[in-house]
């Protein structure tokens, strides 16, 4: 018995993310009739698209549109794959240099015991020394609202205890049943 070759009923599609459009227009995909190019050792000059493509082809490189919004668009004659590689490398360096600060939260209570206070203070100091900001949040429950001065005293004591490693961005504020203050790391300490 001879087996018949069967063709799939539908074409095979590549799985994964859809193809994204190229970041830059290159060579024949550039739409402008005139482009501005800077050649080595010369000032920027305006070429027709055909002339620019001929110069790029003569050098064995690509014509890449750098600034499409300019009038006329600015192009460079480079090896496109190398150009993309260098751009990704620059972006990686920029990303590595960025300082990532997180916002950590410490919750307090007006009835906080001495051990709990020192435990939370230790954590807040550690966060500030790592370079993170700390939000101190004191919540009032039930009848504690009648004695808000106790909660304010706890927050003031907490802020004073952190004075060597952190500085409040603004004075603490009351929002309903909460007292909030954000403490930033002390830059002088670093």
Protein backbone atom coordinates (compact mmCIF):
# COMPACT_ATOMS: atom_id res chain seq x y z
CA UNK A 1 0.00 0.00 0.00
CA UNK A 2 1.29 3.42 -0.96
CA UNK A 3 0.90 6.20 1.56
CA UNK A 4 -0.31 9.49 0.28
CA UNK A 5 1.44 12.64 1.31
CA UNK A 6 -0.96 14.86 3.12
CA UNK A 7 -0.56 18.57 3.17
CA UNK A 8 -1.55 20.49 6.22
CA UNK A 9 -4.91 22.19 5.98
CA UNK A 10 -3.42 25.51 7.02
CA UNK A 11 0.04 26.99 6.69
CA UNK A 12 2.43 26.77 9.61
CA UNK A 13 2.80 30.04 11.49
CA UNK A 14 5.75 30.89 13.68
CA UNK A 15 4.82 30.97 17.33
CA UNK A 16 5.89 33.66 19.75
CA UNK A 17 5.81 37.40 19.68
CA UNK A 18 4.70 39.03 16.44
CA UNK A 19 7.46 40.62 14.39
CA UNK A 20 7.99 44.19 15.34
CA UNK A 21 8.61 46.92 12.85
CA UNK A 22 12.23 47.94 12.33
CA UNK A 23 13.46 50.79 14.50
CA UNK A 24 15.03 52.65 11.60
CA UNK A 25 14.36 52.86 7.91
CA UNK A 26 17.28 51.66 5.87
CA UNK A 27 18.28 51.84 2.19
CA UNK A 28 15.25 51.55 -0.14
CA UNK A 29 12.76 51.89 2.75
CA UNK A 30 13.63 55.57 3.26
CA UNK A 31 10.74 57.63 1.86
CA UNK A 32 12.16 61.16 1.69
CA UNK A 33 13.33 62.46 -1.70
CA UNK A 34 16.29 64.30 -0.11
CA UNK A 35 18.44 63.33 2.90
CA UNK A 36 21.14 65.06 4.93
CA UNK A 37 24.35 63.03 5.37
CA UNK A 38 27.55 63.75 7.22
CA UNK A 39 30.50 62.20 5.42
CA UNK A 40 33.84 61.72 7.17
CA UNK A 41 35.81 64.95 7.32
CA UNK A 42 33.05 67.01 5.71
CA UNK A 43 30.17 69.14 6.89
CA UNK A 44 26.63 67.79 6.52
CA UNK A 45 25.36 67.91 2.96
CA UNK A 46 21.99 67.34 1.37
CA UNK A 47 21.82 64.54 -1.22
CA UNK A 48 19.00 63.13 -3.27
CA UNK A 49 18.00 59.68 -2.08
CA UNK A 50 19.46 58.04 -5.21
CA UNK A 51 22.84 59.76 -4.74
CA UNK A 52 22.96 58.79 -1.05
CA UNK A 53 22.11 55.16 -1.84
CA UNK A 54 24.84 55.12 -4.52
CA UNK A 55 27.44 56.45 -2.04
CA UNK A 56 26.39 53.85 0.56
CA UNK A 57 26.47 51.02 -1.99
CA UNK A 58 29.90 52.16 -3.22
CA UNK A 59 31.24 51.87 0.36
CA UNK A 60 29.47 48.54 0.93
CA UNK A 61 27.42 49.95 3.82
CA UNK A 62 23.80 50.80 4.59
CA UNK A 63 22.03 54.15 4.51
CA UNK A 64 20.26 54.44 7.89
CA UNK A 65 17.68 57.10 8.72
CA UNK A 66 18.64 58.51 12.14
CA UNK A 67 16.33 61.52 12.55
CA UNK A 68 13.21 61.02 10.41
CA UNK A 69 11.46 64.15 11.77
CA UNK A 70 14.18 66.57 10.59
CA UNK A 71 13.78 68.42 7.33
CA UNK A 72 15.38 66.80 5.33
CA UNK A 73 15.80 63.59 7.38
CA UNK A 74 19.27 62.95 8.78
CA UNK A 75 20.92 59.72 7.64
CA UNK A 76 24.19 57.95 8.30
CA UNK A 77 26.16 55.55 6.17
CA UNK A 78 27.03 52.64 8.48
CA UNK A 79 26.92 48.87 8.77
CA UNK A 80 23.36 48.50 10.13
CA UNK A 81 23.95 45.37 12.23
CA UNK A 82 26.97 46.97 13.90
CA UNK A 83 24.97 50.18 14.42
CA UNK A 84 22.21 48.22 16.23
CA UNK A 85 24.78 46.38 18.34
CA UNK A 86 26.39 49.65 19.46
CA UNK A 87 22.98 51.16 20.29
CA UNK A 88 22.02 48.17 22.44
CA UNK A 89 25.38 48.36 24.18
CA UNK A 90 24.86 52.07 24.98
CA UNK A 91 21.35 51.38 26.32
CA UNK A 92 22.72 48.62 28.57
CA UNK A 93 25.35 50.97 29.98
CA UNK A 94 22.74 53.66 30.65
CA UNK A 95 20.47 51.13 32.36
CA UNK A 96 23.34 49.85 34.52
CA UNK A 97 24.19 53.38 35.68
CA UNK A 98 20.64 54.14 36.79
CA UNK A 99 20.10 54.01 40.53
CA UNK A 100 17.15 51.86 41.41
CA UNK A 101 15.43 53.12 44.54
CA UNK A 102 12.59 51.21 46.06
CA UNK A 103 9.99 52.49 48.46
CA UNK A 104 9.84 50.32 51.59
CA UNK A 105 7.06 50.60 54.15
CA UNK A 106 7.30 50.34 57.94
CA UNK A 107 4.01 50.14 59.88
CA UNK A 108 3.82 51.46 63.40
CA UNK A 109 1.14 51.54 66.07
CA UNK A 110 0.57 53.96 68.96
CA UNK A 111 0.74 50.96 71.35
CA UNK A 112 4.14 49.82 70.02
CA UNK A 113 6.36 48.11 72.62
CA UNK A 114 10.04 49.00 73.05
CA UNK A 115 11.32 45.75 71.49
CA UNK A 116 9.00 46.10 68.46
CA UNK A 117 10.07 49.73 68.06
CA UNK A 118 13.78 48.82 68.01
CA UNK A 119 13.10 45.88 65.63
CA UNK A 120 11.31 48.14 63.12
CA UNK A 121 13.97 50.82 63.58
CA UNK A 122 16.71 48.31 62.70
CA UNK A 123 14.89 47.34 59.50
CA UNK A 124 14.31 50.97 58.54
CA UNK A 125 18.03 51.76 59.06
CA UNK A 126 18.99 48.78 56.87
CA UNK A 127 16.64 49.93 54.09
CA UNK A 128 18.00 53.49 54.22
CA UNK A 129 21.63 52.29 54.18
CA UNK A 130 20.84 50.26 51.04
CA UNK A 131 19.64 53.48 49.41
CA UNK A 132 15.88 52.83 49.54
CA UNK A 133 13.27 55.30 50.70
CA UNK A 134 11.13 54.33 53.71
CA UNK A 135 7.50 55.26 54.23
CA UNK A 136 6.53 55.23 57.90
CA UNK A 137 2.82 54.54 58.36
CA UNK A 138 1.11 54.73 61.75
CA UNK A 139 -2.49 53.45 61.85
CA UNK A 140 -5.03 54.36 64.51
CA UNK A 141 -7.71 51.84 65.44
CA UNK A 142 -10.94 52.53 67.26
CA UNK A 143 -10.54 54.76 70.33
CA UNK A 144 -6.88 55.47 69.59
CA UNK A 145 -8.11 58.38 67.45
CA UNK A 146 -8.96 60.22 70.69
CA UNK A 147 -5.24 60.26 71.61
CA UNK A 148 -3.50 61.19 68.38
CA UNK A 149 -0.71 62.93 70.30
CA UNK A 150 0.60 59.50 71.40
CA UNK A 151 0.86 58.39 67.76
CA UNK A 152 2.55 61.66 66.79
CA UNK A 153 5.10 61.16 69.58
CA UNK A 154 5.90 57.64 68.32
CA UNK A 155 6.44 58.93 64.76
CA UNK A 156 8.61 61.85 65.97
CA UNK A 157 10.72 59.46 68.06
CA UNK A 158 11.10 57.14 65.05
CA UNK A 159 12.19 60.02 62.79
CA UNK A 160 14.69 61.29 65.39
CA UNK A 161 16.15 57.79 65.78
CA UNK A 162 16.76 57.63 62.01
CA UNK A 163 18.32 61.11 61.81
CA UNK A 164 21.85 59.79 61.17
CA UNK A 165 20.86 57.65 58.15
CA UNK A 166 17.75 59.35 56.79
CA UNK A 167 16.00 62.68 56.40
CA UNK A 168 12.22 63.17 56.09
CA UNK A 169 11.23 64.51 52.66
CA UNK A 170 8.41 66.54 54.25
CA UNK A 171 6.89 66.83 57.72
CA UNK A 172 4.56 63.99 58.63
CA UNK A 173 0.95 64.38 57.56
CA UNK A 174 -2.34 63.05 58.86
CA UNK A 175 -4.73 61.34 56.45
CA UNK A 176 -7.85 60.13 58.20
CA UNK A 177 -6.77 57.34 60.56
CA UNK A 178 -3.15 57.40 59.37
CA UNK A 179 0.01 59.38 59.94
CA UNK A 180 2.45 59.20 57.00
CA UNK A 181 6.01 60.34 56.46
CA UNK A 182 8.54 59.40 53.77
CA UNK A 183 12.19 59.26 54.78
CA UNK A 184 14.93 59.45 52.15
CA UNK A 185 18.49 58.19 52.63
CA UNK A 186 20.95 60.76 53.98
CA UNK A 187 23.25 61.71 51.07
CA UNK A 188 25.96 63.12 53.37
CA UNK A 189 26.46 59.70 54.97
CA UNK A 190 27.46 58.11 51.64
